[in-house]
Amino acid sequence: MQSINSFAMHVLFSAWDYDVTVLEFVACATSLLGVWLGVYGTRKTWPWWAISSALYGFLFYQWGLIASAALQIVFIAAGIWGWFGWGPKGAVPAKLNRRELLMWITSLLVLWIGLAPVFASIGAAATWSDTFL
């Protein structure tokens, strides 16, 4: 495990006095692939988003950005949800009824307010905006 971690955090190149690691480069490449596939509306975009988020989560963890690493779990879940919610021929839009909309808004507010102290306790740099996302 140590050799994998050492390779992942190896500096691949520097640009404008910023060192880009192998892990960061691969995470960025998978994100760009996800965007490219998303432009075409293909369902294949979602696994790439989940992989990218997992890589960024590991990177943030390595940098000691625990709250940002934890936030990637939400993005991984969104990628999985997107994969199963996307139709074979693309997005299938639907409107929420009033009850569903109220449920979503209430859930999001409760989670936002409930997670802010947790993120603050683990050293989030932007507690309220990170938990809102």
N, C-alpha and C. Protein backbone atom coordinates (compact mmCIF):
# COMPACT_ATOMS: atom_id res chain seq x y z
N MET A 1 0.83 -1.19 0.00
CA MET A 1 0.00 0.00 0.00
C MET A 1 0.87 1.25 0.00
N GLN A 2 1.97 1.19 0.72
CA GLN A 2 2.85 2.36 0.79
C GLN A 2 3.43 2.69 -0.58
N SER A 3 3.77 1.67 -1.38
CA SER A 3 4.34 1.94 -2.70
C SER A 3 3.30 2.54 -3.64
N ILE A 4 2.04 2.10 -3.52
CA ILE A 4 0.96 2.69 -4.34
C ILE A 4 0.77 4.15 -3.95
N ASN A 5 0.74 4.42 -2.66
CA ASN A 5 0.59 5.78 -2.18
C ASN A 5 1.76 6.65 -2.62
N SER A 6 2.95 6.10 -2.56
CA SER A 6 4.14 6.83 -2.97
C SER A 6 4.08 7.18 -4.46
N PHE A 7 3.64 6.22 -5.28
CA PHE A 7 3.50 6.46 -6.71
C PHE A 7 2.43 7.50 -6.99
N ALA A 8 1.28 7.37 -6.32
CA ALA A 8 0.15 8.29 -6.55
C ALA A 8 0.51 9.72 -6.20
N MET A 9 1.31 9.90 -5.16
CA MET A 9 1.66 11.25 -4.72
C MET A 9 2.96 11.74 -5.34
N HIS A 10 3.53 10.97 -6.26
CA HIS A 10 4.74 11.39 -6.97
C HIS A 10 4.41 12.58 -7.88
N VAL A 11 5.28 13.59 -7.88
CA VAL A 11 5.05 14.78 -8.71
C VAL A 11 5.31 14.40 -10.16
N LEU A 12 4.27 14.56 -10.98
CA LEU A 12 4.36 14.24 -12.40
C LEU A 12 4.99 15.37 -13.18
N PHE A 13 4.54 16.60 -12.89
CA PHE A 13 5.11 17.80 -13.50
C PHE A 13 4.74 19.01 -12.66
N SER A 14 5.40 20.12 -12.95
CA SER A 14 5.09 21.39 -12.28
C SER A 14 4.63 22.39 -13.32
N ALA A 15 3.63 23.16 -12.95
CA ALA A 15 3.12 24.21 -13.84
C ALA A 15 2.86 25.45 -13.00
N TRP A 16 3.46 26.55 -13.38
CA TRP A 16 3.29 27.81 -12.66
C TRP A 16 3.56 27.65 -11.17
N ASP A 17 4.65 26.99 -10.84
CA ASP A 17 5.08 26.74 -9.46
C ASP A 17 4.10 25.87 -8.67
N TYR A 18 3.31 25.07 -9.37
CA TYR A 18 2.38 24.15 -8.71
C TYR A 18 2.75 22.73 -9.13
N ASP A 19 2.97 21.87 -8.15
CA ASP A 19 3.33 20.48 -8.42
C ASP A 19 2.07 19.64 -8.61
N VAL A 20 1.97 19.00 -9.76
CA VAL A 20 0.83 18.14 -10.08
C VAL A 20 1.25 16.69 -9.87
N THR A 21 0.54 16.00 -8.97
CA THR A 21 0.87 14.61 -8.69
C THR A 21 0.19 13.68 -9.71
N VAL A 22 0.65 12.45 -9.73
CA VAL A 22 0.06 11.45 -10.62
C VAL A 22 -1.43 11.30 -10.29
N LEU A 23 -1.75 11.22 -9.02
CA LEU A 23 -3.14 11.06 -8.59
C LEU A 23 -4.00 12.24 -9.04
N GLU A 24 -3.52 13.44 -8.86
CA GLU A 24 -4.27 14.62 -9.26
C GLU A 24 -4.48 14.65 -10.78
N PHE A 25 -3.46 14.28 -11.52
CA PHE A 25 -3.56 14.27 -12.98
C PHE A 25 -4.60 13.25 -13.44
N VAL A 26 -4.58 12.06 -12.86
CA VAL A 26 -5.54 11.01 -13.24
C VAL A 26 -6.95 11.42 -12.83
N ALA A 27 -7.11 12.02 -11.65
CA ALA A 27 -8.43 12.49 -11.21
C ALA A 27 -8.97 13.54 -12.16
N CYS A 28 -8.11 14.46 -12.58
CA CYS A 28 -8.52 15.50 -13.52
C CYS A 28 -8.90 14.89 -14.87
N ALA A 29 -8.10 13.93 -15.33
CA ALA A 29 -8.37 13.29 -16.62
C ALA A 29 -9.71 12.55 -16.60
N THR A 30 -10.02 11.86 -15.50
CA THR A 30 -11.30 11.16 -15.41
C THR A 30 -12.46 12.15 -15.34
N SER A 31 -12.25 13.29 -14.68
CA SER A 31 -13.29 14.33 -14.65
C SER A 31 -13.55 14.87 -16.06
N LEU A 32 -12.49 15.15 -16.78
CA LEU A 32 -12.64 15.66 -18.14
C LEU A 32 -13.32 14.65 -19.05
N LEU A 33 -13.00 13.37 -18.88
CA LEU A 33 -13.67 12.33 -19.65
C LEU A 33 -15.15 12.30 -19.32
N GLY A 34 -15.48 12.45 -18.03
CA GLY A 34 -16.88 12.50 -17.61
C GLY A 34 -17.62 13.67 -18.23
N VAL A 35 -16.97 14.83 -18.30
CA VAL A 35 -17.58 16.00 -18.93
C VAL A 35 -17.79 15.74 -20.42
N TRP A 36 -16.77 15.21 -21.07
CA TRP A 36 -16.85 14.94 -22.50
C TRP A 36 -18.01 13.98 -22.82
N LEU A 37 -18.11 12.91 -22.03
CA LEU A 37 -19.21 11.96 -22.24
C LEU A 37 -20.56 12.59 -21.90
N GLY A 38 -20.57 13.45 -20.88
CA GLY A 38 -21.81 14.11 -20.49
C GLY A 38 -22.35 15.04 -21.56
N VAL A 39 -21.46 15.63 -22.34
CA VAL A 39 -21.88 16.53 -23.42
C VAL A 39 -22.76 15.76 -24.41
N TYR A 40 -22.45 14.50 -24.61
CA TYR A 40 -23.21 13.67 -25.55
C TYR A 40 -24.42 13.00 -24.91
N GLY A 41 -24.62 13.23 -23.62
CA GLY A 41 -25.79 12.71 -22.92
C GLY A 41 -25.77 11.21 -22.71
N THR A 42 -24.60 10.61 -22.77
CA THR A 42 -24.50 9.17 -22.60
C THR A 42 -24.49 8.78 -21.13
N ARG A 43 -25.03 7.64 -20.86
CA ARG A 43 -25.10 7.12 -19.50
C ARG A 43 -23.71 6.78 -18.96
N LYS A 44 -22.77 6.56 -19.85
CA LYS A 44 -21.41 6.18 -19.47
C LYS A 44 -20.69 7.28 -18.70
N THR A 45 -21.23 8.48 -18.68
CA THR A 45 -20.59 9.57 -17.96
C THR A 45 -20.55 9.33 -16.46
N TRP A 46 -21.57 8.67 -15.90
CA TRP A 46 -21.72 8.56 -14.45
C TRP A 46 -20.63 7.75 -13.75
N PRO A 47 -20.21 6.61 -14.27
CA PRO A 47 -19.12 5.91 -13.59
C PRO A 47 -17.83 6.74 -13.57
N TRP A 48 -17.59 7.50 -14.61
CA TRP A 48 -16.38 8.33 -14.65
C TRP A 48 -16.44 9.42 -13.60
N TRP A 49 -17.63 9.97 -13.36
CA TRP A 49 -17.78 10.97 -12.30
C TRP A 49 -17.53 10.34 -10.94
N ALA A 50 -18.04 9.14 -10.73
CA ALA A 50 -17.85 8.46 -9.45
C ALA A 50 -16.37 8.12 -9.23
N ILE A 51 -15.71 7.63 -10.28
CA ILE A 51 -14.27 7.31 -10.18
C ILE A 51 -13.47 8.57 -9.88
N SER A 52 -13.78 9.64 -10.60
CA SER A 52 -13.10 10.91 -10.39
C SER A 52 -13.27 11.39 -8.95
N SER A 53 -14.48 11.30 -8.44
CA SER A 53 -14.74 11.74 -7.07
C SER A 53 -13.99 10.89 -6.06
N ALA A 54 -13.91 9.58 -6.31
CA ALA A 54 -13.15 8.71 -5.41
C ALA A 54 -11.67 9.08 -5.42
N LEU A 55 -11.13 9.37 -6.60
CA LEU A 55 -9.73 9.77 -6.70
C LEU A 55 -9.48 11.11 -6.00
N TYR A 56 -10.37 12.06 -6.23
CA TYR A 56 -10.24 13.35 -5.54
C TYR A 56 -10.40 13.18 -4.03
N GLY A 57 -11.30 12.30 -3.61
CA GLY A 57 -11.46 12.04 -2.17
C GLY A 57 -10.17 11.53 -1.56
N PHE A 58 -9.50 10.61 -2.24
CA PHE A 58 -8.23 10.08 -1.76
C PHE A 58 -7.17 11.18 -1.75
N LEU A 59 -7.16 12.01 -2.78
CA LEU A 59 -6.19 13.11 -2.87
C LEU A 59 -6.41 14.10 -1.72
N PHE A 60 -7.66 14.50 -1.51
CA PHE A 60 -7.95 15.44 -0.42
C PHE A 60 -7.58 14.84 0.94
N TYR A 61 -7.82 13.56 1.09
CA TYR A 61 -7.44 12.89 2.34
C TYR A 61 -5.93 12.96 2.54
N GLN A 62 -5.18 12.72 1.47
CA GLN A 62 -3.72 12.79 1.54
C GLN A 62 -3.25 14.20 1.92
N TRP A 63 -3.95 15.19 1.46
CA TRP A 63 -3.60 16.58 1.77
C TRP A 63 -4.10 17.03 3.13
N GLY A 64 -4.84 16.19 3.82
CA GLY A 64 -5.37 16.54 5.13
C GLY A 64 -6.65 17.36 5.08
N LEU A 65 -7.30 17.39 3.93
CA LEU A 65 -8.57 18.11 3.76
C LEU A 65 -9.71 17.11 3.97
N ILE A 66 -9.92 16.75 5.22
CA ILE A 66 -10.84 15.67 5.55
C ILE A 66 -12.28 16.01 5.16
N ALA A 67 -12.72 17.23 5.38
CA ALA A 67 -14.09 17.62 5.04
C ALA A 67 -14.30 17.55 3.53
N SER A 68 -13.33 18.01 2.77
CA SER A 68 -13.45 17.95 1.31
C SER A 68 -13.42 16.50 0.83
N ALA A 69 -12.64 15.66 1.50
CA ALA A 69 -12.61 14.24 1.16
C ALA A 69 -13.97 13.61 1.45
N ALA A 70 -14.56 13.97 2.60
CA ALA A 70 -15.88 13.43 2.96
C ALA A 70 -16.95 13.88 1.98
N LEU A 71 -16.83 15.10 1.49
CA LEU A 71 -17.80 15.63 0.53
C LEU A 71 -17.81 14.80 -0.75
N GLN A 72 -16.69 14.19 -1.10
CA GLN A 72 -16.63 13.38 -2.31
C GLN A 72 -17.55 12.16 -2.22
N ILE A 73 -17.87 11.74 -1.01
CA ILE A 73 -18.80 10.62 -0.84
C ILE A 73 -20.17 10.99 -1.41
N VAL A 74 -20.57 12.25 -1.24
CA VAL A 74 -21.83 12.73 -1.80
C VAL A 74 -21.77 12.65 -3.32
N PHE A 75 -20.65 13.05 -3.89
CA PHE A 75 -20.51 13.04 -5.34
C PHE A 75 -20.46 11.61 -5.89
N ILE A 76 -19.85 10.70 -5.15
CA ILE A 76 -19.85 9.29 -5.56
C ILE A 76 -21.28 8.75 -5.54
N ALA A 77 -22.02 9.07 -4.49
CA ALA A 77 -23.42 8.64 -4.41
C ALA A 77 -24.23 9.23 -5.56
N ALA A 78 -23.97 10.49 -5.91
CA ALA A 78 -24.68 11.11 -7.03
C ALA A 78 -24.34 10.39 -8.34
N GLY A 79 -23.09 9.97 -8.49
CA GLY A 79 -22.70 9.23 -9.69
C GLY A 79 -23.41 7.90 -9.79
N ILE A 80 -23.54 7.21 -8.66
CA ILE A 80 -24.26 5.93 -8.65
C ILE A 80 -25.74 6.16 -8.93
N TRP A 81 -26.30 7.17 -8.31
CA TRP A 81 -27.71 7.51 -8.52
C TRP A 81 -27.94 7.89 -9.98
N GLY A 82 -27.03 8.67 -10.54
CA GLY A 82 -27.15 9.06 -11.95
C GLY A 82 -27.11 7.86 -12.87
N TRP A 83 -26.24 6.91 -12.57
CA TRP A 83 -26.13 5.71 -13.39
C TRP A 83 -27.46 4.95 -13.44
N PHE A 84 -28.08 4.77 -12.26
CA PHE A 84 -29.33 4.01 -12.21
C PHE A 84 -30.55 4.84 -12.63
N GLY A 85 -30.46 6.16 -12.53
CA GLY A 85 -31.60 7.01 -12.87
C GLY A 85 -31.62 7.46 -14.31
N TRP A 86 -30.53 7.23 -15.01
CA TRP A 86 -30.41 7.68 -16.41
C TRP A 86 -30.98 6.60 -17.30
N GLY A 87 -31.82 6.98 -18.23
CA GLY A 87 -32.37 6.01 -19.16
C GLY A 87 -31.32 5.57 -20.17
N PRO A 88 -31.54 4.44 -20.85
CA PRO A 88 -30.57 3.95 -21.82
C PRO A 88 -30.32 4.94 -22.97
N LYS A 89 -31.30 5.78 -23.24
CA LYS A 89 -31.15 6.74 -24.34
C LYS A 89 -30.93 8.17 -23.84
N GLY A 90 -30.67 8.33 -22.56
CA GLY A 90 -30.40 9.66 -22.01
C GLY A 90 -31.29 9.96 -20.83
N ALA A 91 -31.27 11.22 -20.44
CA ALA A 91 -32.04 11.65 -19.27
C ALA A 91 -33.53 11.50 -19.53
N VAL A 92 -34.24 11.13 -18.49
CA VAL A 92 -35.69 11.02 -18.55
C VAL A 92 -36.25 12.05 -17.57
N PRO A 93 -36.54 13.27 -18.05
CA PRO A 93 -36.99 14.31 -17.13
C PRO A 93 -38.37 14.02 -16.56
N ALA A 94 -38.55 14.45 -15.34
CA ALA A 94 -39.84 14.30 -14.67
C ALA A 94 -39.96 15.43 -13.65
N LYS A 95 -41.18 15.85 -13.39
CA LYS A 95 -41.43 16.90 -12.40
C LYS A 95 -41.78 16.27 -11.06
N LEU A 96 -41.33 16.94 -10.00
CA LEU A 96 -41.69 16.51 -8.65
C LEU A 96 -43.05 17.07 -8.30
N ASN A 97 -43.86 16.28 -7.60
CA ASN A 97 -45.11 16.85 -7.11
C ASN A 97 -44.81 17.65 -5.85
N ARG A 98 -45.79 18.34 -5.32
CA ARG A 98 -45.57 19.22 -4.16
C ARG A 98 -45.04 18.47 -2.95
N ARG A 99 -45.57 17.29 -2.71
CA ARG A 99 -45.14 16.49 -1.56
C ARG A 99 -43.67 16.09 -1.70
N GLU A 100 -43.28 15.62 -2.88
CA GLU A 100 -41.89 15.23 -3.12
C GLU A 100 -40.96 16.44 -3.00
N LEU A 101 -41.38 17.57 -3.54
CA LEU A 101 -40.57 18.79 -3.46
C LEU A 101 -40.37 19.21 -2.01
N LEU A 102 -41.44 19.20 -1.23
CA LEU A 102 -41.35 19.55 0.19
C LEU A 102 -40.44 18.58 0.94
N MET A 103 -40.54 17.29 0.61
CA MET A 103 -39.69 16.28 1.24
C MET A 103 -38.22 16.55 0.93
N TRP A 104 -37.90 16.85 -0.33
CA TRP A 104 -36.51 17.12 -0.73
C TRP A 104 -35.97 18.37 -0.05
N ILE A 105 -36.74 19.43 -0.05
CA ILE A 105 -36.29 20.69 0.56
C ILE A 105 -36.06 20.49 2.06
N THR A 106 -36.99 19.82 2.74
CA THR A 106 -36.85 19.57 4.17
C THR A 106 -35.62 18.70 4.45
N SER A 107 -35.45 17.64 3.68
CA SER A 107 -34.29 16.75 3.87
C SER A 107 -32.98 17.50 3.67
N LEU A 108 -32.92 18.31 2.64
CA LEU A 108 -31.69 19.05 2.36
C LEU A 108 -31.38 20.06 3.46
N LEU A 109 -32.40 20.74 3.95
CA LEU A 109 -32.17 21.70 5.04
C LEU A 109 -31.71 21.00 6.32
N VAL A 110 -32.35 19.88 6.65
CA VAL A 110 -31.96 19.14 7.86
C VAL A 110 -30.51 18.64 7.73
N LEU A 111 -30.18 18.09 6.58
CA LEU A 111 -28.81 17.61 6.37
C LEU A 111 -27.80 18.76 6.40
N TRP A 112 -28.15 19.87 5.79
CA TRP A 112 -27.25 21.03 5.75
C TRP A 112 -26.94 21.51 7.17
N ILE A 113 -27.99 21.71 7.95
CA ILE A 113 -27.81 22.21 9.31
C ILE A 113 -27.17 21.15 10.21
N GLY A 114 -27.51 19.88 9.98
CA GLY A 114 -26.96 18.81 10.80
C GLY A 114 -25.51 18.49 10.51
N LEU A 115 -25.09 18.60 9.25
CA LEU A 115 -23.71 18.26 8.90
C LEU A 115 -22.72 19.39 9.13
N ALA A 116 -23.18 20.61 9.20
CA ALA A 116 -22.26 21.75 9.38
C ALA A 116 -21.39 21.59 10.63
N PRO A 117 -21.95 21.26 11.80
CA PRO A 117 -21.10 21.07 12.97
C PRO A 117 -20.12 19.90 12.82
N VAL A 118 -20.54 18.85 12.11
CA VAL A 118 -19.65 17.71 11.89
C VAL A 118 -18.46 18.14 11.04
N PHE A 119 -18.74 18.87 9.95
CA PHE A 119 -17.66 19.35 9.08
C PHE A 119 -16.76 20.32 9.82
N ALA A 120 -17.34 21.17 10.66
CA ALA A 120 -16.53 22.12 11.43
C ALA A 120 -15.60 21.38 12.40
N SER A 121 -16.09 20.29 12.98
CA SER A 121 -15.28 19.55 13.95
C SER A 121 -14.11 18.80 13.30
N ILE A 122 -14.21 18.54 11.99
CA ILE A 122 -13.10 17.86 11.31
C ILE A 122 -12.26 18.83 10.49
N GLY A 123 -12.50 20.12 10.69
CA GLY A 123 -11.62 21.12 10.10
C GLY A 123 -11.96 21.59 8.71
N ALA A 124 -13.24 21.65 8.37
CA ALA A 124 -13.62 22.14 7.05
C ALA A 124 -13.25 23.61 6.91
N ALA A 125 -12.75 23.95 5.74
CA ALA A 125 -12.36 25.33 5.50
C ALA A 125 -13.58 26.20 5.21
N ALA A 126 -14.59 25.63 4.58
CA ALA A 126 -15.80 26.37 4.23
C ALA A 126 -17.00 25.53 4.67
N THR A 127 -17.24 25.51 5.96
CA THR A 127 -18.21 24.60 6.56
C THR A 127 -19.59 24.70 5.93
N TRP A 128 -20.18 25.88 5.90
CA TRP A 128 -21.55 26.02 5.44
C TRP A 128 -21.71 25.77 3.94
N SER A 129 -20.76 26.26 3.15
CA SER A 129 -20.88 26.03 1.70
C SER A 129 -20.59 24.57 1.36
N ASP A 130 -19.64 23.94 2.05
CA ASP A 130 -19.37 22.52 1.79
C ASP A 130 -20.56 21.65 2.15
N THR A 131 -21.20 21.92 3.28
CA THR A 131 -22.33 21.10 3.67
C THR A 131 -23.55 21.39 2.79
N PHE A 132 -23.67 22.60 2.29
CA PHE A 132 -24.78 22.92 1.39
C PHE A 132 -24.67 22.11 0.10
N LEU A 133 -23.45 21.97 -0.40
CA LEU A 133 -23.25 21.18 -1.63
C LEU A 133 -23.67 19.74 -1.41
